[in-house]
C-alpha atoms as a PDB file:
ATOM      1  CA  MET A   1      -6.985 -22.567  15.896  1.00  0.00           C
ATOM      2  CA  LYS A   2      -8.077 -20.985  12.618  1.00  0.00           C
ATOM      3  CA  TYR A   3     -11.645 -20.539  11.458  1.00  0.00           C
ATOM      4  CA  SER A   4     -11.109 -18.764   8.129  1.00  0.00           C
ATOM      5  CA  GLY A   5     -11.693 -21.907   6.098  1.00  0.00           C
ATOM      6  CA  ILE A   6     -15.122 -22.380   7.608  1.00  0.00           C
ATOM      7  CA  ASP A   7     -15.851 -18.661   7.334  1.00  0.00           C
ATOM      8  CA  LEU A   8     -14.892 -18.617   3.668  1.00  0.00           C
ATOM      9  CA  LEU A   9     -17.037 -21.635   2.880  1.00  0.00           C
ATOM     10  CA  TYR A  10     -20.097 -20.134   4.573  1.00  0.00           C
ATOM     11  CA  GLU A  11     -19.425 -16.667   3.123  1.00  0.00           C
ATOM     12  CA  LYS A  12     -18.891 -17.969  -0.407  1.00  0.00           C
ATOM     13  CA  ARG A  13     -22.289 -19.643  -0.269  1.00  0.00           C
ATOM     14  CA  GLY A  14     -23.996 -16.611   1.278  1.00  0.00           C
ATOM     15  CA  TYR A  15     -24.716 -18.122   4.700  1.00  0.00           C
ATOM     16  CA  PHE A  16     -23.676 -15.051   6.673  1.00  0.00           C
ATOM     17  CA  ASP A  17     -26.302 -15.327   9.387  1.00  0.00           C
ATOM     18  CA  GLU A  18     -25.606 -19.028   9.832  1.00  0.00           C
ATOM     19  CA  ILE A  19     -21.853 -18.650  10.408  1.00  0.00           C
ATOM     20  CA  MET A  20     -22.454 -15.730  12.762  1.00  0.00           C
ATOM     21  CA  GLY A  21     -25.041 -17.798  14.643  1.00  0.00           C
ATOM     22  CA  LEU A  22     -22.624 -20.721  14.850  1.00  0.00           C
ATOM     23  CA  LEU A  23     -19.866 -18.548  16.288  1.00  0.00           C
ATOM     24  CA  GLU A  24     -22.275 -16.800  18.677  1.00  0.00           C
ATOM     25  CA  ALA A  25     -23.384 -20.196  19.996  1.00  0.00           C
ATOM     26  CA  GLY A  26     -19.748 -21.202  20.438  1.00  0.00           C
ATOM     27  CA  LEU A  27     -19.005 -18.112  22.532  1.00  0.00           C
ATOM     28  CA  ASN A  28     -21.241 -19.459  25.268  1.00  0.00           C
ATOM     29  CA  LEU A  29     -18.956 -22.450  25.760  1.00  0.00           C
ATOM     30  CA  GLU A  30     -16.798 -22.408  28.866  1.00  0.00           C
ATOM     31  CA  ARG A  31     -13.495 -22.541  26.986  1.00  0.00           C
ATOM     32  CA  ALA A  32     -14.332 -20.531  23.873  1.00  0.00           C
ATOM     33  CA  HIS A  33     -11.231 -19.811  21.811  1.00  0.00           C
ATOM     34  CA  LEU A  34     -10.168 -16.190  21.370  1.00  0.00           C
ATOM     35  CA  GLY A  35     -10.204 -16.675  17.607  1.00  0.00           C
ATOM     36  CA  MET A  36     -13.969 -17.163  17.721  1.00  0.00           C
ATOM     37  CA  PHE A  37     -14.477 -13.724  19.258  1.00  0.00           C
ATOM     38  CA  THR A  38     -12.166 -12.167  16.687  1.00  0.00           C
ATOM     39  CA  GLU A  39     -13.676 -13.918  13.660  1.00  0.00           C
ATOM     40  CA  LEU A  40     -17.174 -12.995  14.819  1.00  0.00           C
ATOM     41  CA  GLY A  41     -16.102  -9.351  15.023  1.00  0.00           C
ATOM     42  CA  ILE A  42     -14.680  -9.505  11.500  1.00  0.00           C
ATOM     43  CA  LEU A  43     -17.910 -11.056  10.213  1.00  0.00           C
ATOM     44  CA  TYR A  44     -19.933  -8.350  11.964  1.00  0.00           C
ATOM     45  CA  SER A  45     -17.810  -5.676  10.273  1.00  0.00           C
ATOM     46  CA  LYS A  46     -18.585  -7.176   6.866  1.00  0.00           C
ATOM     47  CA  HIS A  47     -22.178  -8.342   7.181  1.00  0.00           C
ATOM     48  CA  ASN A  48     -23.800  -6.884  10.299  1.00  0.00           C
ATOM     49  CA  PRO A  49     -22.120  -3.567  11.255  1.00  0.00           C
ATOM     50  CA  GLU A  50     -24.828  -2.708  13.793  1.00  0.00           C
ATOM     51  CA  ARG A  51     -23.703  -5.642  15.942  1.00  0.00           C
ATOM     52  CA  LEU A  52     -20.055  -4.587  15.737  1.00  0.00           C
ATOM     53  CA  TYR A  53     -20.845  -1.533  17.856  1.00  0.00           C
ATOM     54  CA  GLU A  54     -21.611  -3.674  20.916  1.00  0.00           C
ATOM     55  CA  HIS A  55     -19.379  -6.703  20.263  1.00  0.00           C
ATOM     56  CA  PRO A  56     -15.952  -5.188  21.071  1.00  0.00           C
ATOM     57  CA  ARG A  57     -17.398  -3.283  24.008  1.00  0.00           C
ATOM     58  CA  LEU A  58     -18.511  -6.554  25.579  1.00  0.00           C
ATOM     59  CA  VAL A  59     -15.475  -8.719  24.780  1.00  0.00           C
ATOM     60  CA  TRP A  60     -12.581  -6.364  24.028  1.00  0.00           C
ATOM     61  CA  GLN A  61     -10.268  -8.322  26.354  1.00  0.00           C
ATOM     62  CA  ARG A  62     -10.872 -11.519  24.359  1.00  0.00           C
ATOM     63  CA  ILE A  63     -10.371 -10.339  20.770  1.00  0.00           C
ATOM     64  CA  ASN A  64      -7.336  -9.813  18.604  1.00  0.00           C
ATOM     65  CA  ILE A  65      -7.712  -6.036  18.391  1.00  0.00           C
ATOM     66  CA  PRO A  66      -5.326  -5.440  15.431  1.00  0.00           C
ATOM     67  CA  LYS A  67      -7.307  -7.862  13.233  1.00  0.00           C
ATOM     68  CA  ILE A  68     -10.600  -6.200  14.174  1.00  0.00           C
ATOM     69  CA  ILE A  69      -9.029  -2.766  13.563  1.00  0.00           C
ATOM     70  CA  ARG A  70      -8.123  -3.762   9.990  1.00  0.00           C
ATOM     71  CA  ALA A  71     -11.633  -5.087   9.315  1.00  0.00           C
ATOM     72  CA  THR A  72     -13.235  -2.018  10.872  1.00  0.00           C
ATOM     73  CA  GLU A  73     -11.100   0.336   8.763  1.00  0.00           C
ATOM     74  CA  MET A  74     -12.053  -1.521   5.598  1.00  0.00           C
ATOM     75  CA  ALA A  75     -15.740  -1.271   6.542  1.00  0.00           C
ATOM     76  CA  HIS A  76     -15.435   2.471   7.374  1.00  0.00           C
ATOM     77  CA  LEU A  77     -16.910   2.019  10.858  1.00  0.00           C
ATOM     78  CA  TRP A  78     -15.251   5.015  12.465  1.00  0.00           C
ATOM     79  CA  ILE A  79     -16.873   5.068  15.921  1.00  0.00           C
ATOM     80  CA  GLU A  80     -15.984   1.417  16.448  1.00  0.00           C
ATOM     81  CA  LEU A  81     -12.467   2.102  15.146  1.00  0.00           C
ATOM     82  CA  VAL A  82     -11.956   4.889  17.684  1.00  0.00           C
ATOM     83  CA  PHE A  83     -13.085   2.548  20.466  1.00  0.00           C
ATOM     84  CA  LEU A  84     -10.665  -0.174  19.318  1.00  0.00           C
ATOM     85  CA  TYR A  85      -7.734   2.238  18.974  1.00  0.00           C
ATOM     86  CA  THR A  86      -8.430   3.545  22.469  1.00  0.00           C
ATOM     87  CA  HIS A  87      -8.411   0.062  23.976  1.00  0.00           C
ATOM     88  CA  TYR A  88      -5.293  -0.864  22.012  1.00  0.00           C
ATOM     89  CA  TYR A  89      -3.580   2.239  23.479  1.00  0.00           C
ATOM     90  CA  LYS A  90      -3.165   3.888  20.069  1.00  0.00           C
ATOM     91  CA  LEU A  91      -4.558   7.194  21.282  1.00  0.00           C
ATOM     92  CA  TYR A  92      -2.899   9.218  18.530  1.00  0.00           C
ATOM     93  CA  ASN A  93      -4.612   7.007  15.914  1.00  0.00           C
ATOM     94  CA  ALA A  94      -7.933   7.401  17.705  1.00  0.00           C
ATOM     95  CA  THR A  95      -7.515  11.186  17.728  1.00  0.00           C
ATOM     96  CA  LEU A  96      -6.542  11.346  14.070  1.00  0.00           C
ATOM     97  CA  THR A  97      -9.483   9.110  13.123  1.00  0.00           C
ATOM     98  CA  ILE A  98     -11.901  11.410  14.930  1.00  0.00           C
ATOM     99  CA  ILE A  99     -10.405  14.446  13.212  1.00  0.00           C
ATOM    100  CA  ALA A 100     -10.409  12.844   9.755  1.00  0.00           C
ATOM    101  CA  HIS A 101     -13.941  11.458  10.043  1.00  0.00           C
ATOM    102  CA  SER A 102     -15.608  13.928  12.364  1.00  0.00           C
ATOM    103  CA  ALA A 103     -18.972  13.705  10.635  1.00  0.00           C
ATOM    104  CA  ASN A 104     -19.233  10.040  11.624  1.00  0.00           C
ATOM    105  CA  ALA A 105     -16.828   9.537  14.528  1.00  0.00           C
ATOM    106  CA  LEU A 106     -17.120  12.638  16.690  1.00  0.00           C
ATOM    107  CA  GLU A 107     -18.494  11.937  20.134  1.00  0.00           C
ATOM    108  CA  HIS A 108     -17.363  14.821  22.328  1.00  0.00           C
ATOM    109  CA  THR A 109     -17.026  12.740  25.498  1.00  0.00           C
ATOM    110  CA  ALA A 110     -14.892  10.101  23.772  1.00  0.00           C
ATOM    111  CA  PHE A 111     -12.850  12.827  22.080  1.00  0.00           C
ATOM    112  CA  LYS A 112     -12.159  14.452  25.450  1.00  0.00           C
ATOM    113  CA  ASP A 113     -11.141  11.155  27.012  1.00  0.00           C
ATOM    114  CA  VAL A 114      -8.740  10.389  24.170  1.00  0.00           C
ATOM    115  CA  VAL A 115      -7.196  13.814  23.594  1.00  0.00           C
ATOM    116  CA  VAL A 116      -6.163  14.435  27.190  1.00  0.00           C
ATOM    117  CA  LYS A 117      -4.111  11.207  27.128  1.00  0.00           C
ATOM    118  CA  VAL A 118      -2.286  11.972  23.859  1.00  0.00           C
ATOM    119  CA  THR A 119       1.422  12.539  24.488  1.00  0.00           C
ATOM    120  CA  ASN A 120       2.402  13.706  20.997  1.00  0.00           C
ATOM    121  CA  LEU A 121       2.272  17.516  21.164  1.00  0.00           C
ATOM    122  CA  GLU A 122       1.752  17.921  17.424  1.00  0.00           C
ATOM    123  CA  ILE A 123      -1.351  15.723  17.497  1.00  0.00           C
ATOM    124  CA  TYR A 124      -2.539  17.375  20.715  1.00  0.00           C
ATOM    125  CA  ASN A 125      -2.218  20.806  19.091  1.00  0.00           C
ATOM    126  CA  LYS A 126      -4.005  19.566  15.968  1.00  0.00           C
ATOM    127  CA  ALA A 127      -6.806  18.206  18.172  1.00  0.00           C
ATOM    128  CA  LEU A 128      -7.203  21.527  19.991  1.00  0.00           C
ATOM    129  CA  TRP A 129      -7.448  23.450  16.710  1.00  0.00           C
ATOM    130  CA  PHE A 130      -9.898  20.876  15.426  1.00  0.00           C
ATOM    131  CA  GLU A 131     -12.051  21.355  18.535  1.00  0.00           C
ATOM    132  CA  ILE A 132     -11.973  25.130  18.085  1.00  0.00           C
ATOM    133  CA  GLU A 133     -13.063  24.799  14.445  1.00  0.00           C
ATOM    134  CA  GLU A 134     -15.703  22.113  14.979  1.00  0.00           C
ATOM    135  CA  GLN A 135     -17.141  22.859  18.409  1.00  0.00           C
ATOM    136  CA  ALA A 136     -15.781  26.157  19.636  1.00  0.00           C
ATOM    137  CA  LEU A 137     -18.241  26.347  22.532  1.00  0.00           C
ATOM    138  CA  LEU A 138     -16.921  23.082  23.990  1.00  0.00           C
ATOM    139  CA  ILE A 139     -13.220  24.043  24.006  1.00  0.00           C
ATOM    140  CA  ASN A 140     -13.397  25.151  27.646  1.00  0.00           C
ATOM    141  CA  ASP A 141     -14.813  21.776  28.570  1.00  0.00           C
ATOM    142  CA  LEU A 142     -11.819  20.115  26.906  1.00  0.00           C
ATOM    143  CA  LEU A 143      -9.222  22.427  28.455  1.00  0.00           C
ATOM    144  CA  VAL A 144     -10.630  22.043  31.971  1.00  0.00           C
ATOM    145  CA  TYR A 145     -10.790  18.263  31.641  1.00  0.00           C
END
């Protein structure tokens, strides 16, 4: 089931809140299609980024994560992107996103949780040096974790 035609029609006419409201109402249905969750996340990334912070955290099992990742990257929503990479098991991408966009994406607890699971030694080493440069006092916390 594809909703992009409806989305484009509403978006072209500037009815962002209306299409988001329509999809939100549809999510409450018993057999809501996974595409509705995904399209709503994409719309949030474009028109209501504040809502995108909570949306994938509530329904991450019911969205097409790669599509939301692309939309989130285009919208430069780094914290949400790290969350999505983590739940899509792309821990190296999550780590590199935190390092590249530390001013906006660095949450020490999330960084710790992601870095300790990274299996690529080059990225792990890069993450440790990043931690030393950015938050030297918290390096012990990371190494003990």
